[in-house]
Structures are given as C-alpha cells and as structure tokens.
Amino acid sequence: MTETVTKSPAEKLPEFIERFKDDVVAIADYRGDLCIDVRKDRLPEMIRFLKETLQFNMLMDLFGMDYAKYGNGLSGVAVIYNLYSMPTRRRVRLRVFLGEERPEIRSICDLFAAANWFEREAFDLFGVTFTSHPNLTRILCHHDFEGHALLKEYPADHYQRLKSAIPSTEI
C-alpha cells in the first residue's frame, strides 16, 4: 500500500511564500487547492511571478465578492484570482481585500488578456476600480444604471428603468 504524504499549505508553494512573506496575510488549503490572502500593494508582481516562474499560465477566473455581512472578521470588497498551471496541473487562489470605501487595485490586463472582461465585470457589479485598465466601462448593467448591483448595500428589490436605449457619447 502506498502512503500518501500530505503537505501543509505553506509547503505547496515555498518559493512564492518565501519571496512574498511580508505580503502574505493568510494561507489555507481548500480541497487540495492553495488559497492565499495577500496585500494589494505587490499583487501584479505576485501574479507575474506565479505566471513566469511557477508556470501558473492560465487565469481561470477573477471576480469580486462583498464580505460586508459575511462575519468571521471579514469585511469589505475582495477580488479573487484563480490561476491554473497547465504543466504542473495545480491551482492557486489569491484573495485581496480592498476595504469598503472606494475599492481600487491595479489591473493585470498586461499579464493576462482574459483579465479585461473579468475586471470590467468586477467593476460593474462591485465597484472595484482597476487602475491602468484599458477600457474600464460597464459590461453587464445598462449605461444608465446607478450603483453596483451585487454589493450588499444595494437593495434587492430596487428597479432602475433604462432612460435611453442609445448610450451617451459623452465621456
């Protein structure tokens, strides 16, 4: 019978943990996938390191999440990045808490082209501003929509009528 060796979460990506130890807030293992909470300051550098050095060459998903009423000491809006390494068949999830007032983080469109629409979705539904994004405009809600529909503070029964089917050309 073969014995299974179980690694602690920190042992799964030791190069990453060592290089960014001051920016890692928490590490967890969820069903075999590594989940790392990080500070936002060096996020693009972290993503580049994962892509170029550790071969996490696919951005599977990027999305926003509002933890305002979540409990467990978590609060504010977070952006979650799910990366996959095709050569090593591993996944890693980075979660960045941005706070509640004016959530903002640098775009990673220059690293993954797929981030373009994912970031626009997080902007549209959660109000996350991605600095240096090439076209940060609404993608799901209509152009007259006010607010961000998936924030906990947004009323679930609120209805907004479309004022004009033709978008304004004003910038």
C-alpha atoms as a PDB file:
ATOM      1  CA  MET A   1       0.000   0.000   0.000  1.00  0.00           C
ATOM      2  CA  THR A   2       1.302   3.458  -0.888  1.00  0.00           C
ATOM      3  CA  GLU A   3       1.403   6.057   1.829  1.00  0.00           C
ATOM      4  CA  THR A   4       0.055   9.495   0.941  1.00  0.00           C
ATOM      5  CA  VAL A   5       2.184  12.435   2.005  1.00  0.00           C
ATOM      6  CA  THR A   6       0.147  15.499   2.876  1.00  0.00           C
ATOM      7  CA  LYS A   7       1.883  18.855   2.643  1.00  0.00           C
ATOM      8  CA  SER A   8       0.939  21.832   4.753  1.00  0.00           C
ATOM      9  CA  PRO A   9      -0.413  24.783   2.739  1.00  0.00           C
ATOM     10  CA  ALA A  10       2.847  26.725   3.157  1.00  0.00           C
ATOM     11  CA  GLU A  11       4.825  23.799   1.723  1.00  0.00           C
ATOM     12  CA  LYS A  12       2.850  23.750  -1.539  1.00  0.00           C
ATOM     13  CA  LEU A  13       4.420  26.924  -2.997  1.00  0.00           C
ATOM     14  CA  PRO A  14       7.504  27.589  -0.869  1.00  0.00           C
ATOM     15  CA  GLU A  15       9.146  29.838  -3.495  1.00  0.00           C
ATOM     16  CA  PHE A  16       6.129  32.133  -3.548  1.00  0.00           C
ATOM     17  CA  ILE A  17       5.698  32.182   0.235  1.00  0.00           C
ATOM     18  CA  GLU A  18       9.390  32.937   0.790  1.00  0.00           C
ATOM     19  CA  ARG A  19       9.535  35.713  -1.799  1.00  0.00           C
ATOM     20  CA  PHE A  20       6.334  37.457  -0.670  1.00  0.00           C
ATOM     21  CA  LYS A  21       6.287  36.539   3.043  1.00  0.00           C
ATOM     22  CA  ASP A  22       5.689  40.143   4.132  1.00  0.00           C
ATOM     23  CA  ASP A  23       2.666  40.454   1.822  1.00  0.00           C
ATOM     24  CA  VAL A  24       1.001  37.131   2.641  1.00  0.00           C
ATOM     25  CA  VAL A  25      -1.770  37.593   5.206  1.00  0.00           C
ATOM     26  CA  ALA A  26      -3.096  34.018   5.441  1.00  0.00           C
ATOM     27  CA  ILE A  27      -2.640  30.619   3.796  1.00  0.00           C
ATOM     28  CA  ALA A  28      -5.232  27.852   3.631  1.00  0.00           C
ATOM     29  CA  ASP A  29      -5.879  24.655   1.760  1.00  0.00           C
ATOM     30  CA  TYR A  30      -9.360  24.118   0.404  1.00  0.00           C
ATOM     31  CA  ARG A  31      -9.936  20.688  -1.144  1.00  0.00           C
ATOM     32  CA  GLY A  32      -6.350  20.461  -2.297  1.00  0.00           C
ATOM     33  CA  ASP A  33      -6.204  23.953  -3.801  1.00  0.00           C
ATOM     34  CA  LEU A  34      -3.972  26.548  -2.197  1.00  0.00           C
ATOM     35  CA  CYS A  35      -5.757  29.732  -1.075  1.00  0.00           C
ATOM     36  CA  ILE A  36      -3.582  32.722  -0.173  1.00  0.00           C
ATOM     37  CA  ASP A  37      -4.793  36.061   1.210  1.00  0.00           C
ATOM     38  CA  VAL A  38      -2.385  38.810   0.145  1.00  0.00           C
ATOM     39  CA  ARG A  39      -1.953  42.563   0.449  1.00  0.00           C
ATOM     40  CA  LYS A  40      -2.734  44.516  -2.721  1.00  0.00           C
ATOM     41  CA  ASP A  41       0.479  46.550  -2.987  1.00  0.00           C
ATOM     42  CA  ARG A  42       2.547  43.938  -4.847  1.00  0.00           C
ATOM     43  CA  LEU A  43      -0.241  41.944  -6.474  1.00  0.00           C
ATOM     44  CA  PRO A  44       0.858  42.447 -10.117  1.00  0.00           C
ATOM     45  CA  GLU A  45       4.377  41.351  -9.150  1.00  0.00           C
ATOM     46  CA  MET A  46       2.931  38.268  -7.426  1.00  0.00           C
ATOM     47  CA  ILE A  47       0.821  37.353 -10.460  1.00  0.00           C
ATOM     48  CA  ARG A  48       3.840  37.842 -12.764  1.00  0.00           C
ATOM     49  CA  PHE A  49       5.970  35.592 -10.505  1.00  0.00           C
ATOM     50  CA  LEU A  50       3.298  32.900 -10.480  1.00  0.00           C
ATOM     51  CA  LYS A  51       2.953  33.097 -14.266  1.00  0.00           C
ATOM     52  CA  GLU A  52       6.575  33.364 -15.340  1.00  0.00           C
ATOM     53  CA  THR A  53       8.447  31.473 -12.622  1.00  0.00           C
ATOM     54  CA  LEU A  54       5.971  28.928 -11.262  1.00  0.00           C
ATOM     55  CA  GLN A  55       4.149  28.290 -14.573  1.00  0.00           C
ATOM     56  CA  PHE A  56       0.640  29.335 -13.489  1.00  0.00           C
ATOM     57  CA  ASN A  57      -0.068  30.260 -17.087  1.00  0.00           C
ATOM     58  CA  MET A  58      -3.869  30.388 -17.112  1.00  0.00           C
ATOM     59  CA  LEU A  59      -6.140  32.917 -15.436  1.00  0.00           C
ATOM     60  CA  MET A  60      -9.218  30.773 -14.860  1.00  0.00           C
ATOM     61  CA  ASP A  61     -11.282  33.441 -13.156  1.00  0.00           C
ATOM     62  CA  LEU A  62     -11.155  36.811 -11.478  1.00  0.00           C
ATOM     63  CA  PHE A  63     -14.167  38.081  -9.581  1.00  0.00           C
ATOM     64  CA  GLY A  64     -15.316  40.411  -6.850  1.00  0.00           C
ATOM     65  CA  MET A  65     -17.026  39.433  -3.628  1.00  0.00           C
ATOM     66  CA  ASP A  66     -18.668  41.590  -0.979  1.00  0.00           C
ATOM     67  CA  TYR A  67     -17.897  40.364   2.549  1.00  0.00           C
ATOM     68  CA  ALA A  68     -19.850  43.174   4.274  1.00  0.00           C
ATOM     69  CA  LYS A  69     -22.234  40.820   6.092  1.00  0.00           C
ATOM     70  CA  TYR A  70     -20.094  37.700   5.953  1.00  0.00           C
ATOM     71  CA  GLY A  71     -18.888  37.666   9.574  1.00  0.00           C
ATOM     72  CA  ASN A  72     -15.745  35.931  10.864  1.00  0.00           C
ATOM     73  CA  GLY A  73     -13.888  39.252  10.940  1.00  0.00           C
ATOM     74  CA  LEU A  74     -14.012  39.618   7.136  1.00  0.00           C
ATOM     75  CA  SER A  75     -15.355  42.842   5.699  1.00  0.00           C
ATOM     76  CA  GLY A  76     -15.360  44.906   2.562  1.00  0.00           C
ATOM     77  CA  VAL A  77     -14.922  44.008  -1.073  1.00  0.00           C
ATOM     78  CA  ALA A  78     -12.344  41.441  -2.142  1.00  0.00           C
ATOM     79  CA  VAL A  79     -11.024  40.436  -5.546  1.00  0.00           C
ATOM     80  CA  ILE A  80     -10.245  36.753  -6.020  1.00  0.00           C
ATOM     81  CA  TYR A  81      -7.814  35.498  -8.673  1.00  0.00           C
ATOM     82  CA  ASN A  82      -7.928  31.806  -9.676  1.00  0.00           C
ATOM     83  CA  LEU A  83      -4.818  30.634 -11.534  1.00  0.00           C
ATOM     84  CA  TYR A  84      -4.028  27.250 -13.049  1.00  0.00           C
ATOM     85  CA  SER A  85      -0.721  25.707 -14.089  1.00  0.00           C
ATOM     86  CA  MET A  86      -1.187  23.518 -17.149  1.00  0.00           C
ATOM     87  CA  PRO A  87       2.303  21.939 -16.916  1.00  0.00           C
ATOM     88  CA  THR A  88       2.005  21.005 -13.230  1.00  0.00           C
ATOM     89  CA  ARG A  89      -1.827  20.691 -13.087  1.00  0.00           C
ATOM     90  CA  ARG A  90      -2.067  22.775  -9.898  1.00  0.00           C
ATOM     91  CA  ARG A  91      -4.364  25.602  -8.861  1.00  0.00           C
ATOM     92  CA  VAL A  92      -3.813  28.603  -6.643  1.00  0.00           C
ATOM     93  CA  ARG A  93      -6.286  31.214  -5.449  1.00  0.00           C
ATOM     94  CA  LEU A  94      -5.194  34.703  -4.402  1.00  0.00           C
ATOM     95  CA  ARG A  95      -7.658  36.817  -2.429  1.00  0.00           C
ATOM     96  CA  VAL A  96      -7.117  40.536  -1.911  1.00  0.00           C
ATOM     97  CA  PHE A  97      -9.283  42.553   0.493  1.00  0.00           C
ATOM     98  CA  LEU A  98      -9.730  46.135  -0.689  1.00  0.00           C
ATOM     99  CA  GLY A  99     -11.827  47.604   2.113  1.00  0.00           C
ATOM    100  CA  GLU A 100     -15.255  49.141   1.897  1.00  0.00           C
ATOM    101  CA  GLU A 101     -14.612  52.677   0.699  1.00  0.00           C
ATOM    102  CA  ARG A 102     -13.642  53.072  -2.961  1.00  0.00           C
ATOM    103  CA  PRO A 103     -12.067  49.650  -3.627  1.00  0.00           C
ATOM    104  CA  GLU A 104      -9.159  50.026  -6.036  1.00  0.00           C
ATOM    105  CA  ILE A 105      -6.404  47.759  -7.337  1.00  0.00           C
ATOM    106  CA  ARG A 106      -4.015  47.694 -10.286  1.00  0.00           C
ATOM    107  CA  SER A 107      -5.172  45.884 -13.425  1.00  0.00           C
ATOM    108  CA  ILE A 108      -3.433  42.705 -14.593  1.00  0.00           C
ATOM    109  CA  CYS A 109      -4.601  43.015 -18.227  1.00  0.00           C
ATOM    110  CA  ASP A 110      -0.966  43.365 -19.273  1.00  0.00           C
ATOM    111  CA  LEU A 111      -0.283  39.873 -17.836  1.00  0.00           C
ATOM    112  CA  PHE A 112      -3.470  38.061 -18.881  1.00  0.00           C
ATOM    113  CA  ALA A 113      -5.676  39.322 -21.719  1.00  0.00           C
ATOM    114  CA  ALA A 114      -8.614  37.408 -20.202  1.00  0.00           C
ATOM    115  CA  ALA A 115      -8.495  39.765 -17.207  1.00  0.00           C
ATOM    116  CA  ASN A 116     -10.024  42.526 -19.346  1.00  0.00           C
ATOM    117  CA  TRP A 117     -13.623  41.298 -19.187  1.00  0.00           C
ATOM    118  CA  PHE A 118     -13.283  39.798 -15.712  1.00  0.00           C
ATOM    119  CA  GLU A 119     -12.134  43.170 -14.346  1.00  0.00           C
ATOM    120  CA  ARG A 120     -14.933  45.003 -16.142  1.00  0.00           C
ATOM    121  CA  GLU A 121     -17.435  42.620 -14.555  1.00  0.00           C
ATOM    122  CA  ALA A 122     -15.986  43.251 -11.054  1.00  0.00           C
ATOM    123  CA  PHE A 123     -16.114  46.990 -11.743  1.00  0.00           C
ATOM    124  CA  ASP A 124     -19.703  46.875 -12.972  1.00  0.00           C
ATOM    125  CA  LEU A 125     -21.145  44.671 -10.227  1.00  0.00           C
ATOM    126  CA  PHE A 126     -18.952  45.544  -7.203  1.00  0.00           C
ATOM    127  CA  GLY A 127     -17.493  48.984  -7.974  1.00  0.00           C
ATOM    128  CA  VAL A 128     -13.845  47.853  -7.959  1.00  0.00           C
ATOM    129  CA  THR A 129     -11.674  50.312  -9.882  1.00  0.00           C
ATOM    130  CA  PHE A 130      -8.813  48.664 -11.752  1.00  0.00           C
ATOM    131  CA  THR A 131      -6.172  51.304 -12.357  1.00  0.00           C
ATOM    132  CA  SER A 132      -4.399  51.161 -15.738  1.00  0.00           C
ATOM    133  CA  HIS A 133      -7.263  49.146 -17.251  1.00  0.00           C
ATOM    134  CA  PRO A 134      -7.564  49.931 -21.000  1.00  0.00           C
ATOM    135  CA  ASN A 135     -11.393  50.218 -21.069  1.00  0.00           C
ATOM    136  CA  LEU A 136     -12.986  50.154 -17.627  1.00  0.00           C
ATOM    137  CA  THR A 137     -16.659  50.523 -18.574  1.00  0.00           C
ATOM    138  CA  ARG A 138     -19.848  48.685 -17.669  1.00  0.00           C
ATOM    139  CA  ILE A 139     -20.238  45.275 -19.249  1.00  0.00           C
ATOM    140  CA  LEU A 140     -23.428  43.751 -17.757  1.00  0.00           C
ATOM    141  CA  CYS A 141     -25.624  46.566 -16.432  1.00  0.00           C
ATOM    142  CA  HIS A 142     -27.041  49.214 -18.759  1.00  0.00           C
ATOM    143  CA  HIS A 143     -25.212  52.514 -19.174  1.00  0.00           C
ATOM    144  CA  ASP A 144     -27.734  54.489 -17.069  1.00  0.00           C
ATOM    145  CA  PHE A 145     -27.507  52.084 -14.122  1.00  0.00           C
ATOM    146  CA  GLU A 146     -26.586  53.789 -10.856  1.00  0.00           C
ATOM    147  CA  GLY A 147     -24.686  51.843  -8.206  1.00  0.00           C
ATOM    148  CA  HIS A 148     -23.299  48.317  -8.205  1.00  0.00           C
ATOM    149  CA  ALA A 149     -25.884  45.540  -8.181  1.00  0.00           C
ATOM    150  CA  LEU A 150     -24.019  42.859  -6.205  1.00  0.00           C
ATOM    151  CA  LEU A 151     -22.946  44.988  -3.256  1.00  0.00           C
ATOM    152  CA  LYS A 152     -24.747  44.011  -0.062  1.00  0.00           C
ATOM    153  CA  GLU A 153     -25.884  47.618   0.425  1.00  0.00           C
ATOM    154  CA  TYR A 154     -27.757  47.614  -2.901  1.00  0.00           C
ATOM    155  CA  PRO A 155     -31.494  46.957  -2.344  1.00  0.00           C
ATOM    156  CA  ALA A 156     -32.514  43.576  -3.796  1.00  0.00           C
ATOM    157  CA  ASP A 157     -35.907  44.874  -4.945  1.00  0.00           C
ATOM    158  CA  HIS A 158     -34.623  48.108  -6.497  1.00  0.00           C
ATOM    159  CA  TYR A 159     -35.638  48.646 -10.119  1.00  0.00           C
ATOM    160  CA  GLN A 160     -33.935  51.082 -12.474  1.00  0.00           C
ATOM    161  CA  ARG A 161     -35.638  51.967 -15.717  1.00  0.00           C
ATOM    162  CA  LEU A 162     -33.473  52.423 -18.808  1.00  0.00           C
ATOM    163  CA  LYS A 163     -33.815  56.083 -19.812  1.00  0.00           C
ATOM    164  CA  SER A 164     -32.456  55.738 -23.334  1.00  0.00           C
ATOM    165  CA  ALA A 165     -31.539  52.727 -25.451  1.00  0.00           C
ATOM    166  CA  ILE A 166     -28.771  54.740 -27.092  1.00  0.00           C
ATOM    167  CA  PRO A 167     -25.701  55.221 -24.885  1.00  0.00           C
ATOM    168  CA  SER A 168     -24.424  58.719 -24.368  1.00  0.00           C
ATOM    169  CA  THR A 169     -21.314  59.694 -26.328  1.00  0.00           C
ATOM    170  CA  GLU A 170     -20.206  61.993 -23.510  1.00  0.00           C
ATOM    171  CA  ILE A 171     -17.153  60.897 -21.588  1.00  0.00           C
END
